[in-house]
Amino acid sequence: MRLSGAELERRIQRLYEIMETCTLCPRNCKVNRFVSKNGACKTGARPIVSSFGPHFGEESFLVGNNGSGTIFFTNCNLNCVFCQNWEISQMGVGEEIDVEELSKIMLKLQRMGCENINLVSPTHQVPMIVDAVSRAWQKGLKLPIVYNCGGYESIETLKLLEGIVDIYMPDFKYGDDEKALRYSKVSNYTSVAKRALEEMYRQVGPLKIENGVATRGVFVRHLIMPNDPSSSEKVLQLIVSVSSDIPVNIMTQYYPTFKAHHYMELNRRITREEFIKVVEKAKALGLKIVS
């Protein structure tokens, strides 16, 4: 059941208020985003979109028959040195638009037959996104809303998304804060990501799939890094500590890109042995592996 119009307006107003001294994410930059782009995300108060369209490279239960309706948002609240979309996340490739145009993109994806609205890297643009979703709902948007993020989320922001987001899809990157600081420039990643996952699970519960397509719930992505199966195992343990009912997609597509070649331990793809070790740990912990 969707939120009432009055409650939705209250949420939107609160989210825009947060942007005045921005604490939308746990970096807590406290920049006034209406007058400055000097926060970690380098984003002001208007949506910035790199691209959008049906995407067939996501999990099968997001793709369905007609693709996941992805919207790739420009910039990011993390600074991952190995980001495979670094031109978008770190270099700012994209177009600044207004909220009304963003709502029209959502409706266009629905007309194209997409299975959902997949918000990629939405964390730093949540107020504008929720504003756009509200407008799109008024004009007939009915697709599930997917929140596709890096796991580094504010609990207050997540609570303001309750009843708006149907499917949470965090990428739980690290089980080790030292690595999070070294590779993504955040010092408290693991505890923040775990609390965020707890809140996501509280809101939407286990993943629900109907006729092969996800309709609600949470699942986690985890990208295996080279030379680091122990950190992956810690991530899996953190997921289980929230709930063993949370499925996990153990991803193998890491390759050294962007600034990864500056880090000797990151400057290669993962081995089959590293992959097998992580998968065996997931199975031992009772986690369901999805793809």
Protein backbone atom coordinates (compact mmCIF):
# COMPACT_ATOMS: atom_id res chain seq x y z
CA MET A 1 0.00 0.00 0.00
CA ARG A 2 1.40 3.35 -1.05
CA LEU A 3 1.82 6.29 1.31
CA SER A 4 -0.87 8.96 1.58
CA GLY A 5 -0.24 12.15 -0.35
CA ALA A 6 0.21 14.14 2.85
CA GLU A 7 2.75 11.71 4.27
CA LEU A 8 4.66 11.63 1.00
CA GLU A 9 4.82 15.42 0.93
CA ARG A 10 6.11 15.42 4.51
CA ARG A 11 8.87 12.99 3.55
CA ILE A 12 9.87 15.05 0.51
CA GLN A 13 9.98 18.25 2.57
CA ARG A 14 12.12 16.58 5.24
CA LEU A 15 14.55 15.19 2.66
CA TYR A 16 15.03 18.61 1.08
CA GLU A 17 15.55 20.08 4.56
CA ILE A 18 18.34 17.56 5.19
CA MET A 19 20.07 18.82 2.03
CA GLU A 20 20.41 22.31 3.54
CA THR A 21 23.13 20.93 5.84
CA CYS A 22 23.51 17.64 4.07
CA THR A 23 23.53 14.44 6.10
CA LEU A 24 21.77 12.31 3.50
CA CYS A 25 24.58 9.76 3.79
CA PRO A 26 26.91 8.87 6.69
CA ARG A 27 29.66 11.16 5.41
CA ASN A 28 27.68 14.01 7.03
CA CYS A 29 29.34 16.69 4.90
CA LYS A 30 26.81 19.29 6.14
CA VAL A 31 27.13 21.24 2.90
CA ASN A 32 24.16 23.34 1.78
CA ARG A 33 23.46 21.50 -1.46
CA PHE A 34 21.19 24.31 -2.68
CA VAL A 35 24.18 26.66 -2.98
CA SER A 36 27.22 24.37 -3.22
CA LYS A 37 28.50 21.18 -4.83
CA ASN A 38 31.45 20.90 -2.43
CA GLY A 39 30.25 17.78 -0.61
CA ALA A 40 31.85 14.39 -1.18
CA CYS A 41 29.25 13.57 -3.86
CA LYS A 42 29.88 16.82 -5.80
CA THR A 43 26.15 17.14 -6.43
CA GLY A 44 23.79 20.06 -5.96
CA ALA A 45 20.01 20.08 -5.63
CA ARG A 46 19.03 18.89 -9.11
CA PRO A 47 19.03 15.33 -10.45
CA ILE A 48 22.00 14.31 -12.59
CA VAL A 49 21.45 11.28 -14.82
CA SER A 50 24.03 9.52 -16.94
CA SER A 51 21.71 7.17 -18.84
CA PHE A 52 18.52 5.15 -18.57
CA GLY A 53 16.81 2.26 -20.31
CA PRO A 54 15.96 -1.45 -20.11
CA HIS A 55 18.94 -3.34 -18.70
CA PHE A 56 19.40 -7.07 -19.24
CA GLY A 57 22.64 -7.52 -17.28
CA GLU A 58 21.04 -7.52 -13.84
CA GLU A 59 19.88 -10.55 -11.83
CA SER A 60 17.37 -12.73 -13.69
CA PHE A 61 14.57 -11.89 -11.24
CA LEU A 62 15.07 -8.17 -11.91
CA VAL A 63 15.36 -8.54 -15.68
CA GLY A 64 12.28 -10.72 -16.20
CA ASN A 65 11.11 -10.67 -19.81
CA ASN A 66 11.54 -6.99 -20.62
CA GLY A 67 14.53 -5.79 -18.66
CA SER A 68 15.12 -3.82 -15.50
CA GLY A 69 14.33 -0.13 -15.96
CA THR A 70 17.65 1.28 -14.85
CA ILE A 71 18.40 4.93 -14.21
CA PHE A 72 22.12 5.54 -13.71
CA PHE A 73 22.61 8.55 -11.44
CA THR A 74 25.80 10.55 -11.81
CA ASN A 75 28.30 10.88 -8.94
CA CYS A 76 28.42 8.77 -5.77
CA ASN A 77 28.85 9.00 -2.01
CA LEU A 78 31.75 6.53 -2.17
CA ASN A 79 35.13 7.01 -3.85
CA CYS A 80 36.02 3.45 -4.83
CA VAL A 81 39.40 3.26 -6.54
CA PHE A 82 38.28 0.21 -8.54
CA CYS A 83 34.87 1.49 -9.70
CA GLN A 84 33.90 -0.04 -13.03
CA ASN A 85 31.59 2.93 -13.74
CA TRP A 86 34.17 5.51 -12.71
CA GLU A 87 33.39 7.91 -15.56
CA ILE A 88 29.90 8.27 -14.09
CA SER A 89 30.58 7.91 -10.37
CA GLN A 90 33.86 9.82 -10.09
CA MET A 91 34.18 12.02 -13.18
CA GLY A 92 30.62 13.33 -13.25
CA VAL A 93 29.58 12.19 -16.72
CA GLY A 94 25.86 12.88 -17.01
CA GLU A 95 23.21 15.52 -17.60
CA GLU A 96 21.63 17.74 -14.98
CA ILE A 97 17.85 17.69 -15.39
CA ASP A 98 14.85 18.75 -13.34
CA VAL A 99 12.63 16.59 -11.15
CA GLU A 100 9.75 16.66 -13.62
CA GLU A 101 11.98 15.23 -16.35
CA LEU A 102 13.14 12.49 -13.97
CA SER A 103 9.51 11.53 -13.32
CA LYS A 104 8.91 11.37 -17.08
CA ILE A 105 11.89 8.99 -17.44
CA MET A 106 10.29 6.64 -14.90
CA LEU A 107 7.01 6.67 -16.79
CA LYS A 108 8.80 6.12 -20.09
CA LEU A 109 10.54 3.03 -18.68
CA GLN A 110 7.12 1.71 -17.63
CA ARG A 111 5.72 2.30 -21.14
CA MET A 112 8.73 0.39 -22.52
CA GLY A 113 7.58 -2.63 -20.54
CA CYS A 114 10.35 -2.70 -17.93
CA GLU A 115 9.80 -4.86 -14.86
CA ASN A 116 10.83 -2.22 -12.30
CA ILE A 117 12.44 1.17 -11.78
CA ASN A 118 16.06 0.41 -10.84
CA LEU A 119 17.74 3.41 -9.18
CA VAL A 120 21.50 2.96 -9.58
CA SER A 121 23.66 4.95 -7.11
CA PRO A 122 20.69 6.89 -5.70
CA THR A 123 21.97 7.70 -2.19
CA HIS A 124 23.07 11.28 -2.74
CA GLN A 125 20.04 12.16 -4.91
CA VAL A 126 17.28 10.70 -2.73
CA PRO A 127 15.22 13.93 -2.24
CA MET A 128 14.92 14.56 -5.97
CA ILE A 129 14.23 10.87 -6.62
CA VAL A 130 11.40 10.68 -4.07
CA ASP A 131 9.95 13.91 -5.45
CA ALA A 132 10.04 12.39 -8.95
CA VAL A 133 8.52 9.09 -7.78
CA SER A 134 5.66 11.01 -6.15
CA ARG A 135 4.93 12.84 -9.39
CA ALA A 136 5.18 9.63 -11.41
CA TRP A 137 2.79 7.81 -9.04
CA GLN A 138 0.25 10.57 -9.61
CA LYS A 139 0.51 9.88 -13.35
CA GLY A 140 0.16 6.11 -13.13
CA LEU A 141 3.56 4.61 -12.24
CA LYS A 142 2.98 1.17 -10.79
CA LEU A 143 6.35 -0.59 -11.09
CA PRO A 144 8.36 -1.75 -8.04
CA ILE A 145 11.07 0.72 -6.99
CA VAL A 146 14.55 -0.83 -6.65
CA TYR A 147 17.20 0.92 -4.52
CA ASN A 148 20.56 -0.17 -5.97
CA CYS A 149 23.24 1.26 -3.68
CA GLY A 150 26.75 0.83 -2.27
CA GLY A 151 25.57 -0.04 1.24
CA TYR A 152 26.86 3.16 2.87
CA GLU A 153 23.49 4.56 3.94
CA SER A 154 22.04 6.85 6.60
CA ILE A 155 19.37 5.26 8.79
CA GLU A 156 17.33 8.49 8.83
CA THR A 157 17.33 8.61 5.04
CA LEU A 158 16.37 4.94 4.79
CA LYS A 159 13.47 5.44 7.22
CA LEU A 160 12.18 8.21 4.98
CA LEU A 161 12.18 5.69 2.12
CA GLU A 162 9.93 3.20 3.92
CA GLY A 163 6.80 2.59 1.87
CA ILE A 164 8.48 4.04 -1.23
CA VAL A 165 11.21 1.50 -1.97
CA ASP A 166 10.02 -2.04 -2.69
CA ILE A 167 13.34 -3.80 -3.25
CA TYR A 168 16.66 -2.95 -1.60
CA MET A 169 19.79 -4.14 -3.39
CA PRO A 170 22.89 -3.01 -1.44
CA ASP A 171 26.37 -3.92 -2.56
CA PHE A 172 28.04 -4.96 0.70
CA LYS A 173 31.63 -4.19 -0.26
CA TYR A 174 33.84 -4.77 2.76
CA GLY A 175 34.13 -6.79 5.94
CA ASP A 176 37.14 -4.74 6.99
CA ASP A 177 37.13 -1.00 7.79
CA GLU A 178 40.82 -0.60 6.97
CA LYS A 179 40.14 -1.72 3.42
CA ALA A 180 37.08 0.49 3.18
CA LEU A 181 39.20 3.49 4.14
CA ARG A 182 42.01 2.51 1.77
CA TYR A 183 39.83 1.81 -1.26
CA SER A 184 36.64 3.89 -0.76
CA LYS A 185 37.73 6.69 1.60
CA VAL A 186 35.24 5.91 4.38
CA SER A 187 36.35 4.87 7.85
CA ASN A 188 33.26 3.18 9.32
CA TYR A 189 31.86 1.18 6.43
CA THR A 190 31.20 -2.22 8.02
CA SER A 191 29.14 -1.04 10.99
CA VAL A 192 27.22 1.45 8.85
CA ALA A 193 26.48 -1.12 6.15
CA LYS A 194 25.30 -3.68 8.69
CA ARG A 195 22.92 -1.22 10.38
CA ALA A 196 21.65 -0.15 6.96
CA LEU A 197 20.99 -3.77 6.00
CA GLU A 198 19.10 -4.29 9.25
CA GLU A 199 16.87 -1.31 8.46
CA MET A 200 16.30 -2.46 4.88
CA TYR A 201 15.34 -5.93 6.06
CA ARG A 202 13.02 -4.48 8.70
CA GLN A 203 11.19 -2.52 6.03
CA VAL A 204 10.76 -5.08 3.24
CA GLY A 205 11.77 -8.49 4.62
CA PRO A 206 13.03 -11.44 2.57
CA LEU A 207 13.10 -11.33 -1.22
CA LYS A 208 9.75 -12.22 -2.81
CA ILE A 209 9.59 -13.44 -6.39
CA GLU A 210 6.33 -13.87 -8.31
CA ASN A 211 6.25 -15.43 -11.78
CA GLY A 212 10.04 -15.16 -11.94
CA VAL A 213 10.18 -11.43 -11.11
CA ALA A 214 11.06 -9.83 -7.76
CA THR A 215 8.28 -7.76 -6.22
CA ARG A 216 9.61 -6.92 -2.75
CA GLY A 217 12.39 -7.62 -0.29
CA VAL A 218 16.13 -7.30 0.10
CA PHE A 219 19.10 -9.13 -1.34
CA VAL A 220 22.80 -8.35 -1.24
CA ARG A 221 25.47 -8.17 -3.90
CA HIS A 222 29.08 -8.82 -2.97
CA LEU A 223 31.98 -8.35 -5.36
CA ILE A 224 34.91 -10.64 -4.57
CA MET A 225 38.20 -8.75 -4.53
CA PRO A 226 41.57 -10.35 -5.37
CA ASN A 227 43.81 -11.50 -2.51
CA ASP A 228 40.99 -11.00 -0.01
CA PRO A 229 38.70 -14.03 0.58
CA SER A 230 38.82 -13.45 4.34
CA SER A 231 37.18 -10.03 3.96
CA SER A 232 34.47 -11.63 1.80
CA GLU A 233 33.89 -14.23 4.48
CA LYS A 234 33.44 -11.44 7.06
CA VAL A 235 30.85 -9.82 4.78
CA LEU A 236 28.92 -13.09 4.58
CA GLN A 237 29.02 -13.42 8.37
CA LEU A 238 27.68 -9.87 8.74
CA ILE A 239 24.80 -10.67 6.37
CA VAL A 240 23.92 -13.82 8.33
CA SER A 241 24.01 -11.83 11.57
CA VAL A 242 21.14 -9.77 10.17
CA SER A 243 19.24 -12.73 8.68
CA SER A 244 20.13 -15.96 6.92
CA ASP A 245 17.02 -15.33 4.78
CA ILE A 246 18.81 -12.57 2.86
CA PRO A 247 20.00 -13.97 -0.51
CA VAL A 248 23.41 -12.97 -1.82
CA ASN A 249 24.78 -12.60 -5.33
CA ILE A 250 28.50 -13.41 -5.17
CA MET A 251 29.95 -11.50 -8.10
CA THR A 252 33.13 -12.41 -9.96
CA GLN A 253 33.44 -9.61 -12.52
CA TYR A 254 36.12 -7.61 -10.73
CA TYR A 255 38.87 -6.34 -12.97
CA PRO A 256 41.50 -3.65 -12.29
CA THR A 257 40.24 -0.34 -13.62
CA PHE A 258 40.25 3.37 -12.73
CA LYS A 259 42.93 3.72 -10.00
CA ALA A 260 43.21 0.03 -9.07
CA HIS A 261 46.57 -0.32 -10.80
CA HIS A 262 48.06 1.89 -8.07
CA TYR A 263 47.36 -0.91 -5.57
CA MET A 264 49.44 -4.03 -6.20
CA GLU A 265 46.97 -6.28 -4.38
CA LEU A 266 44.11 -5.11 -6.64
CA ASN A 267 45.96 -5.28 -9.93
CA ARG A 268 44.57 -8.60 -11.19
CA ARG A 269 41.31 -10.51 -11.58
CA ILE A 270 40.22 -13.01 -8.95
CA THR A 271 41.16 -16.68 -9.21
CA ARG A 272 38.80 -19.64 -9.41
CA GLU A 273 40.12 -20.79 -6.04
CA GLU A 274 39.19 -17.45 -4.43
CA PHE A 275 35.68 -17.70 -5.87
CA ILE A 276 35.18 -21.28 -4.69
CA LYS A 277 36.36 -20.42 -1.17
CA VAL A 278 33.80 -17.61 -0.84
CA VAL A 279 30.96 -19.66 -2.31
CA GLU A 280 31.71 -22.57 0.03
CA LYS A 281 31.64 -20.18 2.99
CA ALA A 282 28.26 -18.80 1.91
CA LYS A 283 26.84 -22.30 1.65
CA ALA A 284 28.28 -23.28 5.02
CA LEU A 285 26.55 -20.27 6.58
CA GLY A 286 23.23 -21.30 5.06
CA LEU A 287 22.93 -18.35 2.65
CA LYS A 288 21.00 -18.69 -0.59
CA ILE A 289 23.13 -17.74 -3.59
CA VAL A 290 21.33 -15.96 -6.41
CA SER A 291 22.35 -14.58 -9.79
